[in-house]
Amino acid sequence: MAIAGEVDVAISDAILEEIERVLGTKFKWEPDEIREAEALIRGVAKHVDPKLRLDVVPDDPDDNRVVECAVEAGSEAIITNDKDLLRMKRYHRIKIMRVGEFLRQAPVRDG
């Protein structure tokens, strides 16, 4: 959906760093695979530099970076499978939901 331009995606340096770390350590991706993934993400996502620092995810402080990015980007939703973020359900006007829930709510486009 993001590649097709149907949804806008926002990313920050802190989130990119976390993605790179997880792909390398948890999923054992090779450095060239990680660089390719980063290039793809940078190609479809709007880069934001959050100015606001938040402390709203007490069980996983690193997840605050995701909320900061969403706030800076003016996002309507955070799409995630992260249990600590999902537990919040929303942050002010930003909904926090699973991918499946988002897809069920997405309007159907004639292609």
PDB file of N, CA and C in Angstrom:
ATOM      1  N   MET A   1       0.815  -1.190   0.000  1.00  0.00           N
ATOM      2  CA  MET A   1       0.000   0.000   0.000  1.00  0.00           C
ATOM      3  C   MET A   1       0.862   1.259   0.000  1.00  0.00           C
ATOM      4  N   ALA A   2       1.944   1.235   0.770  1.00  0.00           N
ATOM      5  CA  ALA A   2       2.821   2.405   0.803  1.00  0.00           C
ATOM      6  C   ALA A   2       3.557   2.560  -0.519  1.00  0.00           C
ATOM      7  N   ILE A   3       4.023   1.444  -1.071  1.00  0.00           N
ATOM      8  CA  ILE A   3       4.753   1.501  -2.338  1.00  0.00           C
ATOM      9  C   ILE A   3       3.843   2.009  -3.449  1.00  0.00           C
ATOM     10  N   ALA A   4       2.565   1.646  -3.395  1.00  0.00           N
ATOM     11  CA  ALA A   4       1.600   2.086  -4.404  1.00  0.00           C
ATOM     12  C   ALA A   4       1.115   3.505  -4.154  1.00  0.00           C
ATOM     13  N   GLY A   5       1.544   4.108  -3.050  1.00  0.00           N
ATOM     14  CA  GLY A   5       1.135   5.477  -2.742  1.00  0.00           C
ATOM     15  C   GLY A   5      -0.263   5.581  -2.160  1.00  0.00           C
ATOM     16  N   GLU A   6      -0.807   4.455  -1.687  1.00  0.00           N
ATOM     17  CA  GLU A   6      -2.156   4.443  -1.132  1.00  0.00           C
ATOM     18  C   GLU A   6      -2.198   4.912   0.317  1.00  0.00           C
ATOM     19  N   VAL A   7      -1.089   4.808   1.016  1.00  0.00           N
ATOM     20  CA  VAL A   7      -0.983   5.296   2.389  1.00  0.00           C
ATOM     21  C   VAL A   7       0.346   6.023   2.534  1.00  0.00           C
ATOM     22  N   ASP A   8       0.376   6.956   3.442  1.00  0.00           N
ATOM     23  CA  ASP A   8       1.611   7.662   3.743  1.00  0.00           C
ATOM     24  C   ASP A   8       2.267   7.004   4.944  1.00  0.00           C
ATOM     25  N   VAL A   9       3.567   6.821   4.870  1.00  0.00           N
ATOM     26  CA  VAL A   9       4.340   6.210   5.947  1.00  0.00           C
ATOM     27  C   VAL A   9       5.382   7.216   6.406  1.00  0.00           C
ATOM     28  N   ALA A  10       5.537   7.340   7.712  1.00  0.00           N
ATOM     29  CA  ALA A  10       6.550   8.232   8.268  1.00  0.00           C
ATOM     30  C   ALA A  10       7.613   7.401   8.971  1.00  0.00           C
ATOM     31  N   ILE A  11       8.837   7.880   8.916  1.00  0.00           N
ATOM     32  CA  ILE A  11       9.966   7.182   9.540  1.00  0.00           C
ATOM     33  C   ILE A  11      10.909   8.218  10.137  1.00  0.00           C
ATOM     34  N   SER A  12      11.581   7.849  11.196  1.00  0.00           N
ATOM     35  CA  SER A  12      12.594   8.718  11.798  1.00  0.00           C
ATOM     36  C   SER A  12      13.901   7.950  11.859  1.00  0.00           C
ATOM     37  N   ASP A  13      14.977   8.657  12.103  1.00  0.00           N
ATOM     38  CA  ASP A  13      16.278   7.999  12.226  1.00  0.00           C
ATOM     39  C   ASP A  13      16.279   6.964  13.353  1.00  0.00           C
ATOM     40  N   ALA A  14      15.630   7.286  14.474  1.00  0.00           N
ATOM     41  CA  ALA A  14      15.601   6.353  15.601  1.00  0.00           C
ATOM     42  C   ALA A  14      14.895   5.053  15.218  1.00  0.00           C
ATOM     43  N   ILE A  15      13.823   5.142  14.445  1.00  0.00           N
ATOM     44  CA  ILE A  15      13.105   3.941  14.025  1.00  0.00           C
ATOM     45  C   ILE A  15      13.935   3.155  13.022  1.00  0.00           C
ATOM     46  N   LEU A  16      14.575   3.833  12.092  1.00  0.00           N
ATOM     47  CA  LEU A  16      15.441   3.145  11.134  1.00  0.00           C
ATOM     48  C   LEU A  16      16.567   2.395  11.852  1.00  0.00           C
ATOM     49  N   GLU A  17      17.160   3.013  12.839  1.00  0.00           N
ATOM     50  CA  GLU A  17      18.225   2.363  13.600  1.00  0.00           C
ATOM     51  C   GLU A  17      17.706   1.108  14.305  1.00  0.00           C
ATOM     52  N   GLU A  18      16.503   1.183  14.852  1.00  0.00           N
ATOM     53  CA  GLU A  18      15.906   0.030  15.521  1.00  0.00           C
ATOM     54  C   GLU A  18      15.608  -1.085  14.522  1.00  0.00           C
ATOM     55  N   ILE A  19      15.095  -0.737  13.354  1.00  0.00           N
ATOM     56  CA  ILE A  19      14.829  -1.725  12.314  1.00  0.00           C
ATOM     57  C   ILE A  19      16.123  -2.440  11.926  1.00  0.00           C
ATOM     58  N   GLU A  20      17.174  -1.665  11.696  1.00  0.00           N
ATOM     59  CA  GLU A  20      18.462  -2.247  11.319  1.00  0.00           C
ATOM     60  C   GLU A  20      18.982  -3.182  12.410  1.00  0.00           C
ATOM     61  N   ARG A  21      18.867  -2.769  13.647  1.00  0.00           N
ATOM     62  CA  ARG A  21      19.348  -3.584  14.769  1.00  0.00           C
ATOM     63  C   ARG A  21      18.571  -4.898  14.831  1.00  0.00           C
ATOM     64  N   VAL A  22      17.247  -4.831  14.751  1.00  0.00           N
ATOM     65  CA  VAL A  22      16.417  -6.031  14.863  1.00  0.00           C
ATOM     66  C   VAL A  22      16.647  -6.968  13.679  1.00  0.00           C
ATOM     67  N   LEU A  23      16.722  -6.428  12.472  1.00  0.00           N
ATOM     68  CA  LEU A  23      16.961  -7.285  11.309  1.00  0.00           C
ATOM     69  C   LEU A  23      18.291  -8.015  11.429  1.00  0.00           C
ATOM     70  N   GLY A  24      19.297  -7.336  11.952  1.00  0.00           N
ATOM     71  CA  GLY A  24      20.616  -7.951  12.082  1.00  0.00           C
ATOM     72  C   GLY A  24      20.724  -8.926  13.232  1.00  0.00           C
ATOM     73  N   THR A  25      20.190  -8.573  14.398  1.00  0.00           N
ATOM     74  CA  THR A  25      20.373  -9.423  15.572  1.00  0.00           C
ATOM     75  C   THR A  25      19.303 -10.492  15.706  1.00  0.00           C
ATOM     76  N   LYS A  26      18.054 -10.128  15.560  1.00  0.00           N
ATOM     77  CA  LYS A  26      16.974 -11.086  15.757  1.00  0.00           C
ATOM     78  C   LYS A  26      16.752 -11.974  14.533  1.00  0.00           C
ATOM     79  N   PHE A  27      16.810 -11.366  13.345  1.00  0.00           N
ATOM     80  CA  PHE A  27      16.513 -12.114  12.127  1.00  0.00           C
ATOM     81  C   PHE A  27      17.752 -12.534  11.346  1.00  0.00           C
ATOM     82  N   LYS A  28      18.919 -12.129  11.838  1.00  0.00           N
ATOM     83  CA  LYS A  28      20.200 -12.552  11.249  1.00  0.00           C
ATOM     84  C   LYS A  28      20.349 -12.185   9.768  1.00  0.00           C
ATOM     85  N   TRP A  29      19.796 -11.019   9.387  1.00  0.00           N
ATOM     86  CA  TRP A  29      19.969 -10.557   8.009  1.00  0.00           C
ATOM     87  C   TRP A  29      21.411 -10.136   7.792  1.00  0.00           C
ATOM     88  N   GLU A  30      21.882 -10.291   6.571  1.00  0.00           N
ATOM     89  CA  GLU A  30      23.212  -9.844   6.178  1.00  0.00           C
ATOM     90  C   GLU A  30      23.189  -8.326   5.995  1.00  0.00           C
ATOM     91  N   PRO A  31      24.343  -7.662   6.165  1.00  0.00           N
ATOM     92  CA  PRO A  31      24.394  -6.202   6.025  1.00  0.00           C
ATOM     93  C   PRO A  31      23.839  -5.682   4.689  1.00  0.00           C
ATOM     94  N   ASP A  32      24.098  -6.396   3.581  1.00  0.00           N
ATOM     95  CA  ASP A  32      23.586  -5.918   2.296  1.00  0.00           C
ATOM     96  C   ASP A  32      22.062  -6.020   2.229  1.00  0.00           C
ATOM     97  N   GLU A  33      21.483  -7.028   2.874  1.00  0.00           N
ATOM     98  CA  GLU A  33      20.024  -7.151   2.926  1.00  0.00           C
ATOM     99  C   GLU A  33      19.423  -6.012   3.748  1.00  0.00           C
ATOM    100  N   ILE A  34      20.082  -5.663   4.834  1.00  0.00           N
ATOM    101  CA  ILE A  34      19.616  -4.569   5.691  1.00  0.00           C
ATOM    102  C   ILE A  34      19.683  -3.253   4.921  1.00  0.00           C
ATOM    103  N   ARG A  35      20.764  -3.023   4.179  1.00  0.00           N
ATOM    104  CA  ARG A  35      20.886  -1.792   3.384  1.00  0.00           C
ATOM    105  C   ARG A  35      19.786  -1.710   2.330  1.00  0.00           C
ATOM    106  N   GLU A  36      19.460  -2.834   1.699  1.00  0.00           N
ATOM    107  CA  GLU A  36      18.381  -2.854   0.706  1.00  0.00           C
ATOM    108  C   GLU A  36      17.039  -2.518   1.345  1.00  0.00           C
ATOM    109  N   ALA A  37      16.774  -3.077   2.518  1.00  0.00           N
ATOM    110  CA  ALA A  37      15.522  -2.794   3.225  1.00  0.00           C
ATOM    111  C   ALA A  37      15.453  -1.316   3.599  1.00  0.00           C
ATOM    112  N   GLU A  38      16.573  -0.776   4.088  1.00  0.00           N
ATOM    113  CA  GLU A  38      16.601   0.638   4.455  1.00  0.00           C
ATOM    114  C   GLU A  38      16.357   1.518   3.238  1.00  0.00           C
ATOM    115  N   ALA A  39      16.951   1.178   2.108  1.00  0.00           N
ATOM    116  CA  ALA A  39      16.754   1.960   0.884  1.00  0.00           C
ATOM    117  C   ALA A  39      15.292   1.922   0.451  1.00  0.00           C
ATOM    118  N   LEU A  40      14.664   0.763   0.548  1.00  0.00           N
ATOM    119  CA  LEU A  40      13.246   0.651   0.199  1.00  0.00           C
ATOM    120  C   LEU A  40      12.395   1.508   1.121  1.00  0.00           C
ATOM    121  N   ILE A  41      12.651   1.424   2.408  1.00  0.00           N
ATOM    122  CA  ILE A  41      11.889   2.215   3.379  1.00  0.00           C
ATOM    123  C   ILE A  41      12.069   3.701   3.109  1.00  0.00           C
ATOM    124  N   ARG A  42      13.307   4.128   2.918  1.00  0.00           N
ATOM    125  CA  ARG A  42      13.561   5.553   2.648  1.00  0.00           C
ATOM    126  C   ARG A  42      12.884   6.010   1.352  1.00  0.00           C
ATOM    127  N   GLY A  43      12.726   5.083   0.407  1.00  0.00           N
ATOM    128  CA  GLY A  43      12.106   5.426  -0.862  1.00  0.00           C
ATOM    129  C   GLY A  43      10.610   5.650  -0.786  1.00  0.00           C
ATOM    130  N   VAL A  44       9.950   5.042   0.195  1.00  0.00           N
ATOM    131  CA  VAL A  44       8.496   5.172   0.281  1.00  0.00           C
ATOM    132  C   VAL A  44       8.032   5.991   1.482  1.00  0.00           C
ATOM    133  N   ALA A  45       8.889   6.185   2.453  1.00  0.00           N
ATOM    134  CA  ALA A  45       8.473   6.849   3.692  1.00  0.00           C
ATOM    135  C   ALA A  45       8.892   8.313   3.720  1.00  0.00           C
ATOM    136  N   LYS A  46       8.091   9.086   4.400  1.00  0.00           N
ATOM    137  CA  LYS A  46       8.406  10.492   4.667  1.00  0.00           C
ATOM    138  C   LYS A  46       9.314  10.525   5.896  1.00  0.00           C
ATOM    139  N   HIS A  47      10.468  11.143   5.755  1.00  0.00           N
ATOM    140  CA  HIS A  47      11.401  11.226   6.880  1.00  0.00           C
ATOM    141  C   HIS A  47      11.019  12.407   7.764  1.00  0.00           C
ATOM    142  N   VAL A  48      10.900  12.152   9.059  1.00  0.00           N
ATOM    143  CA  VAL A  48      10.608  13.219  10.015  1.00  0.00           C
ATOM    144  C   VAL A  48      11.681  13.233  11.090  1.00  0.00           C
ATOM    145  N   ASP A  49      11.875  14.397  11.658  1.00  0.00           N
ATOM    146  CA  ASP A  49      12.840  14.583  12.734  1.00  0.00           C
ATOM    147  C   ASP A  49      12.070  15.091  13.951  1.00  0.00           C
ATOM    148  N   PRO A  50      11.567  14.175  14.776  1.00  0.00           N
ATOM    149  CA  PRO A  50      10.729  14.588  15.907  1.00  0.00           C
ATOM    150  C   PRO A  50      11.444  15.561  16.841  1.00  0.00           C
ATOM    151  N   LYS A  51      10.751  16.626  17.159  1.00  0.00           N
ATOM    152  CA  LYS A  51      11.290  17.625  18.097  1.00  0.00           C
ATOM    153  C   LYS A  51      10.829  17.334  19.523  1.00  0.00           C
ATOM    154  N   LEU A  52       9.652  16.737  19.636  1.00  0.00           N
ATOM    155  CA  LEU A  52       9.047  16.436  20.926  1.00  0.00           C
ATOM    156  C   LEU A  52       9.592  15.124  21.475  1.00  0.00           C
ATOM    157  N   ARG A  53       9.984  15.131  22.737  1.00  0.00           N
ATOM    158  CA  ARG A  53      10.411  13.893  23.401  1.00  0.00           C
ATOM    159  C   ARG A  53       9.292  13.470  24.348  1.00  0.00           C
ATOM    160  N   LEU A  54       8.838  12.228  24.203  1.00  0.00           N
ATOM    161  CA  LEU A  54       7.725  11.732  24.994  1.00  0.00           C
ATOM    162  C   LEU A  54       8.165  10.609  25.918  1.00  0.00           C
ATOM    163  N   ASP A  55       7.404  10.422  26.977  1.00  0.00           N
ATOM    164  CA  ASP A  55       7.589   9.303  27.893  1.00  0.00           C
ATOM    165  C   ASP A  55       6.197   8.762  28.199  1.00  0.00           C
ATOM    166  N   VAL A  56       5.611   8.074  27.205  1.00  0.00           N
ATOM    167  CA  VAL A  56       4.231   7.611  27.311  1.00  0.00           C
ATOM    168  C   VAL A  56       4.093   6.093  27.217  1.00  0.00           C
ATOM    169  N   VAL A  57       5.203   5.374  26.996  1.00  0.00           N
ATOM    170  CA  VAL A  57       5.183   3.909  26.908  1.00  0.00           C
ATOM    171  C   VAL A  57       6.073   3.374  28.031  1.00  0.00           C
ATOM    172  N   PRO A  58       5.509   3.261  29.226  1.00  0.00           N
ATOM    173  CA  PRO A  58       6.342   2.911  30.385  1.00  0.00           C
ATOM    174  C   PRO A  58       6.993   1.529  30.312  1.00  0.00           C
ATOM    175  N   ASP A  59       6.348   0.556  29.656  1.00  0.00           N
ATOM    176  CA  ASP A  59       6.897  -0.800  29.629  1.00  0.00           C
ATOM    177  C   ASP A  59       8.012  -0.990  28.614  1.00  0.00           C
ATOM    178  N   ASP A  60       8.142  -0.062  27.660  1.00  0.00           N
ATOM    179  CA  ASP A  60       9.208  -0.153  26.653  1.00  0.00           C
ATOM    180  C   ASP A  60       9.545   1.262  26.167  1.00  0.00           C
ATOM    181  N   PRO A  61      10.423   1.945  26.885  1.00  0.00           N
ATOM    182  CA  PRO A  61      10.733   3.342  26.553  1.00  0.00           C
ATOM    183  C   PRO A  61      11.182   3.574  25.112  1.00  0.00           C
ATOM    184  N   ASP A  62      11.794   2.568  24.462  1.00  0.00           N
ATOM    185  CA  ASP A  62      12.193   2.744  23.058  1.00  0.00           C
ATOM    186  C   ASP A  62      10.984   2.969  22.155  1.00  0.00           C
ATOM    187  N   ASP A  63       9.824   2.448  22.549  1.00  0.00           N
ATOM    188  CA  ASP A  63       8.610   2.643  21.747  1.00  0.00           C
ATOM    189  C   ASP A  63       8.143   4.093  21.737  1.00  0.00           C
ATOM    190  N   ASN A  64       8.637   4.893  22.662  1.00  0.00           N
ATOM    191  CA  ASN A  64       8.305   6.322  22.642  1.00  0.00           C
ATOM    192  C   ASN A  64       8.739   6.970  21.324  1.00  0.00           C
ATOM    193  N   ARG A  65       9.817   6.450  20.710  1.00  0.00           N
ATOM    194  CA  ARG A  65      10.301   7.011  19.442  1.00  0.00           C
ATOM    195  C   ARG A  65       9.252   6.858  18.337  1.00  0.00           C
ATOM    196  N   VAL A  66       8.496   5.755  18.383  1.00  0.00           N
ATOM    197  CA  VAL A  66       7.442   5.530  17.386  1.00  0.00           C
ATOM    198  C   VAL A  66       6.328   6.564  17.557  1.00  0.00           C
ATOM    199  N   VAL A  67       5.932   6.790  18.782  1.00  0.00           N
ATOM    200  CA  VAL A  67       4.874   7.767  19.055  1.00  0.00           C
ATOM    201  C   VAL A  67       5.354   9.172  18.685  1.00  0.00           C
ATOM    202  N   GLU A  68       6.589   9.488  19.004  1.00  0.00           N
ATOM    203  CA  GLU A  68       7.144  10.801  18.635  1.00  0.00           C
ATOM    204  C   GLU A  68       7.110  11.008  17.126  1.00  0.00           C
ATOM    205  N   CYS A  69       7.476   9.983  16.374  1.00  0.00           N
ATOM    206  CA  CYS A  69       7.463  10.058  14.916  1.00  0.00           C
ATOM    207  C   CYS A  69       6.045  10.300  14.404  1.00  0.00           C
ATOM    208  N   ALA A  70       5.083   9.560  14.960  1.00  0.00           N
ATOM    209  CA  ALA A  70       3.688   9.712  14.541  1.00  0.00           C
ATOM    210  C   ALA A  70       3.162  11.113  14.838  1.00  0.00           C
ATOM    211  N   VAL A  71       3.509  11.643  15.995  1.00  0.00           N
ATOM    212  CA  VAL A  71       3.075  12.992  16.356  1.00  0.00           C
ATOM    213  C   VAL A  71       3.674  14.009  15.388  1.00  0.00           C
ATOM    214  N   GLU A  72       4.968  13.928  15.153  1.00  0.00           N
ATOM    215  CA  GLU A  72       5.662  14.870  14.269  1.00  0.00           C
ATOM    216  C   GLU A  72       5.094  14.810  12.847  1.00  0.00           C
ATOM    217  N   ALA A  73       4.732  13.611  12.393  1.00  0.00           N
ATOM    218  CA  ALA A  73       4.225  13.435  11.027  1.00  0.00           C
ATOM    219  C   ALA A  73       2.749  13.797  10.901  1.00  0.00           C
ATOM    220  N   GLY A  74       2.064  13.990  12.017  1.00  0.00           N
ATOM    221  CA  GLY A  74       0.629  14.252  11.964  1.00  0.00           C
ATOM    222  C   GLY A  74      -0.153  13.012  11.558  1.00  0.00           C
ATOM    223  N   SER A  75       0.320  11.860  11.991  1.00  0.00           N
ATOM    224  CA  SER A  75      -0.272  10.575  11.604  1.00  0.00           C
ATOM    225  C   SER A  75      -1.661  10.387  12.199  1.00  0.00           C
ATOM    226  N   GLU A  76      -2.476   9.638  11.466  1.00  0.00           N
ATOM    227  CA  GLU A  76      -3.791   9.242  11.957  1.00  0.00           C
ATOM    228  C   GLU A  76      -3.696   7.951  12.750  1.00  0.00           C
ATOM    229  N   ALA A  77      -2.695   7.126  12.432  1.00  0.00           N
ATOM    230  CA  ALA A  77      -2.596   5.821  13.074  1.00  0.00           C
ATOM    231  C   ALA A  77      -1.151   5.350  13.145  1.00  0.00           C
ATOM    232  N   ILE A  78      -0.907   4.481  14.121  1.00  0.00           N
ATOM    233  CA  ILE A  78       0.328   3.718  14.227  1.00  0.00           C
ATOM    234  C   ILE A  78      -0.082   2.270  13.987  1.00  0.00           C
ATOM    235  N   ILE A  79       0.510   1.662  12.967  1.00  0.00           N
ATOM    236  CA  ILE A  79       0.197   0.281  12.624  1.00  0.00           C
ATOM    237  C   ILE A  79       1.344  -0.584  13.135  1.00  0.00           C
ATOM    238  N   THR A  80       1.038  -1.515  14.023  1.00  0.00           N
ATOM    239  CA  THR A  80       2.088  -2.251  14.716  1.00  0.00           C
ATOM    240  C   THR A  80       1.575  -3.587  15.247  1.00  0.00           C
ATOM    241  N   ASN A  81       2.490  -4.451  15.573  1.00  0.00           N
ATOM    242  CA  ASN A  81       2.170  -5.663  16.328  1.00  0.00           C
ATOM    243  C   ASN A  81       2.829  -5.623  17.701  1.00  0.00           C
ATOM    244  N   ASP A  82       3.386  -4.469  18.057  1.00  0.00           N
ATOM    245  CA  ASP A  82       4.061  -4.304  19.332  1.00  0.00           C
ATOM    246  C   ASP A  82       3.034  -4.239  20.467  1.00  0.00           C
ATOM    247  N   LYS A  83       3.130  -5.172  21.396  1.00  0.00           N
ATOM    248  CA  LYS A  83       2.125  -5.276  22.460  1.00  0.00           C
ATOM    249  C   LYS A  83       2.089  -4.049  23.369  1.00  0.00           C
ATOM    250  N   ASP A  84       3.231  -3.438  23.611  1.00  0.00           N
ATOM    251  CA  ASP A  84       3.248  -2.275  24.492  1.00  0.00           C
ATOM    252  C   ASP A  84       2.539  -1.083  23.850  1.00  0.00           C
ATOM    253  N   LEU A  85       2.734  -0.893  22.565  1.00  0.00           N
ATOM    254  CA  LEU A  85       2.024   0.174  21.860  1.00  0.00           C
ATOM    255  C   LEU A  85       0.541  -0.160  21.734  1.00  0.00           C
ATOM    256  N   LEU A  86       0.220  -1.394  21.380  1.00  0.00           N
ATOM    257  CA  LEU A  86      -1.181  -1.790  21.211  1.00  0.00           C
ATOM    258  C   LEU A  86      -1.973  -1.622  22.499  1.00  0.00           C
ATOM    259  N   ARG A  87      -1.340  -1.852  23.622  1.00  0.00           N
ATOM    260  CA  ARG A  87      -2.006  -1.699  24.917  1.00  0.00           C
ATOM    261  C   ARG A  87      -2.524  -0.265  25.104  1.00  0.00           C
ATOM    262  N   MET A  88      -1.859   0.707  24.487  1.00  0.00           N
ATOM    263  CA  MET A  88      -2.273   2.102  24.616  1.00  0.00           C
ATOM    264  C   MET A  88      -3.582   2.380  23.874  1.00  0.00           C
ATOM    265  N   LYS A  89      -3.839   1.690  22.762  1.00  0.00           N
ATOM    266  CA  LYS A  89      -5.012   1.843  21.895  1.00  0.00           C
ATOM    267  C   LYS A  89      -5.035   3.158  21.117  1.00  0.00           C
ATOM    268  N   ARG A  90      -4.569   4.210  21.727  1.00  0.00           N
ATOM    269  CA  ARG A  90      -4.456   5.493  21.030  1.00  0.00           C
ATOM    270  C   ARG A  90      -3.565   6.422  21.836  1.00  0.00           C
ATOM    271  N   TYR A  91      -3.049   7.419  21.132  1.00  0.00           N
ATOM    272  CA  TYR A  91      -2.325   8.507  21.789  1.00  0.00           C
ATOM    273  C   TYR A  91      -2.934   9.781  21.242  1.00  0.00           C
ATOM    274  N   HIS A  92      -3.660  10.460  22.074  1.00  0.00           N
ATOM    275  CA  HIS A  92      -4.455  11.616  21.653  1.00  0.00           C
ATOM    276  C   HIS A  92      -5.325  11.192  20.473  1.00  0.00           C
ATOM    277  N   ARG A  93      -5.158  11.787  19.298  1.00  0.00           N
ATOM    278  CA  ARG A  93      -6.029  11.437  18.165  1.00  0.00           C
ATOM    279  C   ARG A  93      -5.436  10.335  17.284  1.00  0.00           C
ATOM    280  N   ILE A  94      -4.294   9.804  17.640  1.00  0.00           N
ATOM    281  CA  ILE A  94      -3.619   8.776  16.836  1.00  0.00           C
ATOM    282  C   ILE A  94      -4.064   7.389  17.311  1.00  0.00           C
ATOM    283  N   LYS A  95      -4.729   6.648  16.430  1.00  0.00           N
ATOM    284  CA  LYS A  95      -5.140   5.277  16.746  1.00  0.00           C
ATOM    285  C   LYS A  95      -3.911   4.367  16.675  1.00  0.00           C
ATOM    286  N   ILE A  96      -3.891   3.356  17.523  1.00  0.00           N
ATOM    287  CA  ILE A  96      -2.819   2.365  17.505  1.00  0.00           C
ATOM    288  C   ILE A  96      -3.482   1.015  17.278  1.00  0.00           C
ATOM    289  N   MET A  97      -3.132   0.365  16.139  1.00  0.00           N
ATOM    290  CA  MET A  97      -3.822  -0.862  15.760  1.00  0.00           C
ATOM    291  C   MET A  97      -2.912  -1.847  15.054  1.00  0.00           C
ATOM    292  N   ARG A  98      -3.384  -3.081  14.999  1.00  0.00           N
ATOM    293  CA  ARG A  98      -2.682  -4.146  14.285  1.00  0.00           C
ATOM    294  C   ARG A  98      -2.883  -3.983  12.780  1.00  0.00           C
ATOM    295  N   VAL A  99      -2.016  -4.608  12.015  1.00  0.00           N
ATOM    296  CA  VAL A  99      -2.076  -4.554  10.550  1.00  0.00           C
ATOM    297  C   VAL A  99      -3.439  -5.038  10.052  1.00  0.00           C
ATOM    298  N   GLY A 100      -3.907  -6.170  10.574  1.00  0.00           N
ATOM    299  CA  GLY A 100      -5.184  -6.719  10.127  1.00  0.00           C
ATOM    300  C   GLY A 100      -6.340  -5.764  10.348  1.00  0.00           C
ATOM    301  N   GLU A 101      -6.372  -5.120  11.502  1.00  0.00           N
ATOM    302  CA  GLU A 101      -7.423  -4.151  11.803  1.00  0.00           C
ATOM    303  C   GLU A 101      -7.360  -2.982  10.829  1.00  0.00           C
ATOM    304  N   PHE A 102      -6.161  -2.509  10.557  1.00  0.00           N
ATOM    305  CA  PHE A 102      -5.985  -1.408   9.612  1.00  0.00           C
ATOM    306  C   PHE A 102      -6.493  -1.803   8.229  1.00  0.00           C
ATOM    307  N   LEU A 103      -6.127  -2.996   7.789  1.00  0.00           N
ATOM    308  CA  LEU A 103      -6.536  -3.446   6.457  1.00  0.00           C
ATOM    309  C   LEU A 103      -8.043  -3.616   6.344  1.00  0.00           C
ATOM    310  N   ARG A 104      -8.690  -4.062   7.411  1.00  0.00           N
ATOM    311  CA  ARG A 104     -10.151  -4.196   7.400  1.00  0.00           C
ATOM    312  C   ARG A 104     -10.833  -2.838   7.288  1.00  0.00           C
ATOM    313  N   GLN A 105     -10.211  -1.790   7.836  1.00  0.00           N
ATOM    314  CA  GLN A 105     -10.796  -0.461   7.813  1.00  0.00           C
ATOM    315  C   GLN A 105     -10.433   0.333   6.574  1.00  0.00           C
ATOM    316  N   ALA A 106      -9.401  -0.104   5.855  1.00  0.00           N
ATOM    317  CA  ALA A 106      -8.928   0.634   4.672  1.00  0.00           C
ATOM    318  C   ALA A 106      -9.991   0.579   3.574  1.00  0.00           C
ATOM    319  N   PRO A 107     -10.223   1.705   2.923  1.00  0.00           N
ATOM    320  CA  PRO A 107     -11.197   1.703   1.835  1.00  0.00           C
ATOM    321  C   PRO A 107     -10.706   0.835   0.668  1.00  0.00           C
ATOM    322  N   VAL A 108     -11.649   0.172   0.022  1.00  0.00           N
ATOM    323  CA  VAL A 108     -11.317  -0.658  -1.120  1.00  0.00           C
ATOM    324  C   VAL A 108     -11.172   0.242  -2.340  1.00  0.00           C
ATOM    325  N   ARG A 109     -10.048   0.086  -3.045  1.00  0.00           N
ATOM    326  CA  ARG A 109      -9.794   0.901  -4.236  1.00  0.00           C
ATOM    327  C   ARG A 109      -9.987   0.046  -5.473  1.00  0.00           C
ATOM    328  N   ASP A 110     -10.649   0.614  -6.453  1.00  0.00           N
ATOM    329  CA  ASP A 110     -10.752  -0.068  -7.727  1.00  0.00           C
ATOM    330  C   ASP A 110      -9.440   0.083  -8.445  1.00  0.00           C
ATOM    331  N   GLY A 111      -8.910  -0.990  -8.929  1.00  0.00           N
ATOM    332  CA  GLY A 111      -7.583  -0.925  -9.506  1.00  0.00           C
ATOM    333  C   GLY A 111      -7.564  -1.190 -10.936  1.00  0.00           C
TER     334      GLY A 111
END
